[in-house]
């Protein structure tokens, strides 16, 4: 197992790595909408929070040698499932087909008062294995 960490994404706020690489598979830890420079929630605006989470995930993917396009499974946690259409809207900008398999889970609360968190499983492209 190889830990993956980058300063371009928020540092872990607990006892975990930003990602762990096991062979060609990378397990991406949950990202909340923290600004990597300030370690504060980027905004109260859910659209900006979703974008920040995807930017954070993208930075970790790149540190591992991949990109969002290599995510095979994405889990999305929302404190308000009425925001689900905004997830689809953002994913249409950040991802290309084939889209990853995905789950959307409603939760009562997330760390630091975030409204959204995402984690995923990425399979590295053959050139980076």
C-alpha atoms as a PDB file:
ATOM      1  CA  UNK A   1       0.000   0.000   0.000  1.00  0.00           C
ATOM      2  CA  UNK A   2       1.234   3.459  -0.896  1.00  0.00           C
ATOM      3  CA  UNK A   3      -0.194   6.593   0.738  1.00  0.00           C
ATOM      4  CA  UNK A   4      -0.994   9.499  -1.586  1.00  0.00           C
ATOM      5  CA  UNK A   5      -0.921  13.053  -0.261  1.00  0.00           C
ATOM      6  CA  UNK A   6      -0.784  16.463  -1.914  1.00  0.00           C
ATOM      7  CA  UNK A   7      -0.741  20.029  -0.658  1.00  0.00           C
ATOM      8  CA  UNK A   8      -3.141  20.890  -3.512  1.00  0.00           C
ATOM      9  CA  UNK A   9      -5.961  19.264  -1.520  1.00  0.00           C
ATOM     10  CA  UNK A  10      -6.862  19.782   2.141  1.00  0.00           C
ATOM     11  CA  UNK A  11      -4.637  17.910   4.552  1.00  0.00           C
ATOM     12  CA  UNK A  12      -6.305  15.058   6.391  1.00  0.00           C
ATOM     13  CA  UNK A  13      -8.246  16.224   9.452  1.00  0.00           C
ATOM     14  CA  UNK A  14      -7.931  12.851  11.145  1.00  0.00           C
ATOM     15  CA  UNK A  15      -5.978   9.634  11.149  1.00  0.00           C
ATOM     16  CA  UNK A  16      -6.193   8.830   7.444  1.00  0.00           C
ATOM     17  CA  UNK A  17      -4.418   9.452   4.136  1.00  0.00           C
ATOM     18  CA  UNK A  18      -5.910  11.498   1.305  1.00  0.00           C
ATOM     19  CA  UNK A  19      -5.730   8.288  -0.729  1.00  0.00           C
ATOM     20  CA  UNK A  20      -4.152   4.848  -0.667  1.00  0.00           C
ATOM     21  CA  UNK A  21      -2.801   3.151  -3.775  1.00  0.00           C
ATOM     22  CA  UNK A  22      -2.979  -0.644  -3.924  1.00  0.00           C
ATOM     23  CA  UNK A  23      -1.578  -1.768  -7.253  1.00  0.00           C
ATOM     24  CA  UNK A  24      -3.618  -0.100  -9.989  1.00  0.00           C
ATOM     25  CA  UNK A  25      -6.466   0.825  -7.641  1.00  0.00           C
ATOM     26  CA  UNK A  26      -6.556   4.065  -5.645  1.00  0.00           C
ATOM     27  CA  UNK A  27      -8.981   4.485  -2.753  1.00  0.00           C
ATOM     28  CA  UNK A  28      -9.830   8.179  -2.412  1.00  0.00           C
ATOM     29  CA  UNK A  29     -10.754   9.373   1.075  1.00  0.00           C
ATOM     30  CA  UNK A  30     -13.766  11.593   1.536  1.00  0.00           C
ATOM     31  CA  UNK A  31     -13.288  15.214   0.578  1.00  0.00           C
ATOM     32  CA  UNK A  32     -15.354  18.015   2.030  1.00  0.00           C
ATOM     33  CA  UNK A  33     -15.347  21.583   0.662  1.00  0.00           C
ATOM     34  CA  UNK A  34     -12.274  22.783   2.526  1.00  0.00           C
ATOM     35  CA  UNK A  35     -10.044  25.335   0.852  1.00  0.00           C
ATOM     36  CA  UNK A  36      -6.600  23.651   0.877  1.00  0.00           C
ATOM     37  CA  UNK A  37      -4.862  26.931   1.772  1.00  0.00           C
ATOM     38  CA  UNK A  38      -7.079  28.019   4.674  1.00  0.00           C
ATOM     39  CA  UNK A  39      -8.518  24.638   5.735  1.00  0.00           C
ATOM     40  CA  UNK A  40     -11.895  26.392   6.090  1.00  0.00           C
ATOM     41  CA  UNK A  41     -15.191  25.586   4.363  1.00  0.00           C
ATOM     42  CA  UNK A  42     -14.994  27.494   1.072  1.00  0.00           C
ATOM     43  CA  UNK A  43     -18.528  28.953   1.147  1.00  0.00           C
ATOM     44  CA  UNK A  44     -22.047  28.362   2.438  1.00  0.00           C
ATOM     45  CA  UNK A  45     -23.218  28.159  -1.206  1.00  0.00           C
ATOM     46  CA  UNK A  46     -23.859  24.497  -2.067  1.00  0.00           C
ATOM     47  CA  UNK A  47     -22.808  24.948  -5.706  1.00  0.00           C
ATOM     48  CA  UNK A  48     -19.428  26.316  -4.611  1.00  0.00           C
ATOM     49  CA  UNK A  49     -19.100  23.523  -2.053  1.00  0.00           C
ATOM     50  CA  UNK A  50     -19.707  20.879  -4.723  1.00  0.00           C
ATOM     51  CA  UNK A  51     -17.129  22.490  -7.016  1.00  0.00           C
ATOM     52  CA  UNK A  52     -14.557  22.654  -4.196  1.00  0.00           C
ATOM     53  CA  UNK A  53     -15.076  18.986  -3.343  1.00  0.00           C
ATOM     54  CA  UNK A  54     -14.569  18.013  -6.989  1.00  0.00           C
ATOM     55  CA  UNK A  55     -11.481  20.242  -7.235  1.00  0.00           C
ATOM     56  CA  UNK A  56     -10.082  18.571  -4.100  1.00  0.00           C
ATOM     57  CA  UNK A  57     -10.790  15.087  -5.457  1.00  0.00           C
ATOM     58  CA  UNK A  58      -9.193  16.058  -8.767  1.00  0.00           C
ATOM     59  CA  UNK A  59      -6.011  17.186  -6.998  1.00  0.00           C
ATOM     60  CA  UNK A  60      -5.728  13.870  -5.150  1.00  0.00           C
ATOM     61  CA  UNK A  61      -6.413  11.912  -8.354  1.00  0.00           C
ATOM     62  CA  UNK A  62      -3.635  13.818 -10.119  1.00  0.00           C
ATOM     63  CA  UNK A  63      -1.222  13.251  -7.218  1.00  0.00           C
ATOM     64  CA  UNK A  64      -1.881   9.521  -7.624  1.00  0.00           C
ATOM     65  CA  UNK A  65      -1.210   9.634 -11.378  1.00  0.00           C
ATOM     66  CA  UNK A  66      -4.781   9.758 -12.653  1.00  0.00           C
ATOM     67  CA  UNK A  67      -7.687  12.128 -13.086  1.00  0.00           C
ATOM     68  CA  UNK A  68     -11.398  12.334 -12.349  1.00  0.00           C
ATOM     69  CA  UNK A  69     -11.913  10.417 -15.610  1.00  0.00           C
ATOM     70  CA  UNK A  70     -10.318   7.377 -13.928  1.00  0.00           C
ATOM     71  CA  UNK A  71     -12.824   7.232 -11.057  1.00  0.00           C
ATOM     72  CA  UNK A  72     -14.767   3.979 -11.346  1.00  0.00           C
ATOM     73  CA  UNK A  73     -17.010   4.495  -8.288  1.00  0.00           C
ATOM     74  CA  UNK A  74     -18.043   7.780  -6.674  1.00  0.00           C
ATOM     75  CA  UNK A  75     -19.979   8.090  -3.427  1.00  0.00           C
ATOM     76  CA  UNK A  76     -21.729  11.386  -2.714  1.00  0.00           C
ATOM     77  CA  UNK A  77     -22.962  12.310   0.760  1.00  0.00           C
ATOM     78  CA  UNK A  78     -25.469  15.170   1.044  1.00  0.00           C
ATOM     79  CA  UNK A  79     -27.087  16.728   4.094  1.00  0.00           C
ATOM     80  CA  UNK A  80     -30.015  17.750   1.857  1.00  0.00           C
ATOM     81  CA  UNK A  81     -30.970  15.406  -0.978  1.00  0.00           C
ATOM     82  CA  UNK A  82     -32.864  18.216  -2.713  1.00  0.00           C
ATOM     83  CA  UNK A  83     -29.394  19.332  -3.865  1.00  0.00           C
ATOM     84  CA  UNK A  84     -29.003  16.123  -5.888  1.00  0.00           C
ATOM     85  CA  UNK A  85     -29.727  17.865  -9.249  1.00  0.00           C
ATOM     86  CA  UNK A  86     -26.773  20.175  -8.536  1.00  0.00           C
ATOM     87  CA  UNK A  87     -24.530  17.104  -8.261  1.00  0.00           C
ATOM     88  CA  UNK A  88     -25.631  16.007 -11.743  1.00  0.00           C
ATOM     89  CA  UNK A  89     -25.028  19.514 -13.083  1.00  0.00           C
ATOM     90  CA  UNK A  90     -21.503  19.667 -11.637  1.00  0.00           C
ATOM     91  CA  UNK A  91     -20.655  16.142 -12.755  1.00  0.00           C
ATOM     92  CA  UNK A  92     -21.584  17.041 -16.328  1.00  0.00           C
ATOM     93  CA  UNK A  93     -18.850  19.707 -16.169  1.00  0.00           C
ATOM     94  CA  UNK A  94     -16.172  17.729 -14.306  1.00  0.00           C
ATOM     95  CA  UNK A  95     -16.633  14.244 -15.814  1.00  0.00           C
ATOM     96  CA  UNK A  96     -16.905  12.785 -19.305  1.00  0.00           C
ATOM     97  CA  UNK A  97     -18.615   9.595 -20.391  1.00  0.00           C
ATOM     98  CA  UNK A  98     -18.411   6.900 -19.357  1.00  0.00           C
ATOM     99  CA  UNK A  99     -19.479   8.374 -16.018  1.00  0.00           C
ATOM    100  CA  UNK A 100     -18.450   6.532 -12.859  1.00  0.00           C
ATOM    101  CA  UNK A 101     -20.804   4.265 -10.975  1.00  0.00           C
ATOM    102  CA  UNK A 102     -22.274   6.376  -8.189  1.00  0.00           C
ATOM    103  CA  UNK A 103     -24.228   6.337  -4.968  1.00  0.00           C
ATOM    104  CA  UNK A 104     -25.919   9.353  -3.383  1.00  0.00           C
ATOM    105  CA  UNK A 105     -26.498   9.054   0.335  1.00  0.00           C
ATOM    106  CA  UNK A 106     -28.478  11.413   2.538  1.00  0.00           C
ATOM    107  CA  UNK A 107     -26.804  12.054   5.891  1.00  0.00           C
ATOM    108  CA  UNK A 108     -27.777  14.108   8.940  1.00  0.00           C
ATOM    109  CA  UNK A 109     -24.430  15.891   9.264  1.00  0.00           C
ATOM    110  CA  UNK A 110     -20.909  16.067   7.832  1.00  0.00           C
ATOM    111  CA  UNK A 111     -17.593  17.228   9.328  1.00  0.00           C
ATOM    112  CA  UNK A 112     -17.169  20.963   9.895  1.00  0.00           C
ATOM    113  CA  UNK A 113     -20.745  21.682   8.849  1.00  0.00           C
ATOM    114  CA  UNK A 114     -20.140  20.761   5.200  1.00  0.00           C
ATOM    115  CA  UNK A 115     -23.201  20.122   3.045  1.00  0.00           C
ATOM    116  CA  UNK A 116     -21.459  17.648   0.718  1.00  0.00           C
ATOM    117  CA  UNK A 117     -18.684  15.045   0.845  1.00  0.00           C
ATOM    118  CA  UNK A 118     -17.430  12.676  -1.843  1.00  0.00           C
ATOM    119  CA  UNK A 119     -15.090   9.697  -1.891  1.00  0.00           C
ATOM    120  CA  UNK A 120     -14.218   7.294  -4.637  1.00  0.00           C
ATOM    121  CA  UNK A 121     -12.318   4.409  -6.114  1.00  0.00           C
ATOM    122  CA  UNK A 122     -10.025   5.133  -9.043  1.00  0.00           C
ATOM    123  CA  UNK A 123      -8.345   2.708 -11.445  1.00  0.00           C
ATOM    124  CA  UNK A 124      -5.112   4.125 -12.836  1.00  0.00           C
ATOM    125  CA  UNK A 125      -4.553   4.312 -16.582  1.00  0.00           C
ATOM    126  CA  UNK A 126      -2.228   1.591 -17.885  1.00  0.00           C
ATOM    127  CA  UNK A 127       0.589   4.100 -18.503  1.00  0.00           C
ATOM    128  CA  UNK A 128       0.747   4.883 -14.758  1.00  0.00           C
ATOM    129  CA  UNK A 129       0.537   1.349 -13.358  1.00  0.00           C
END
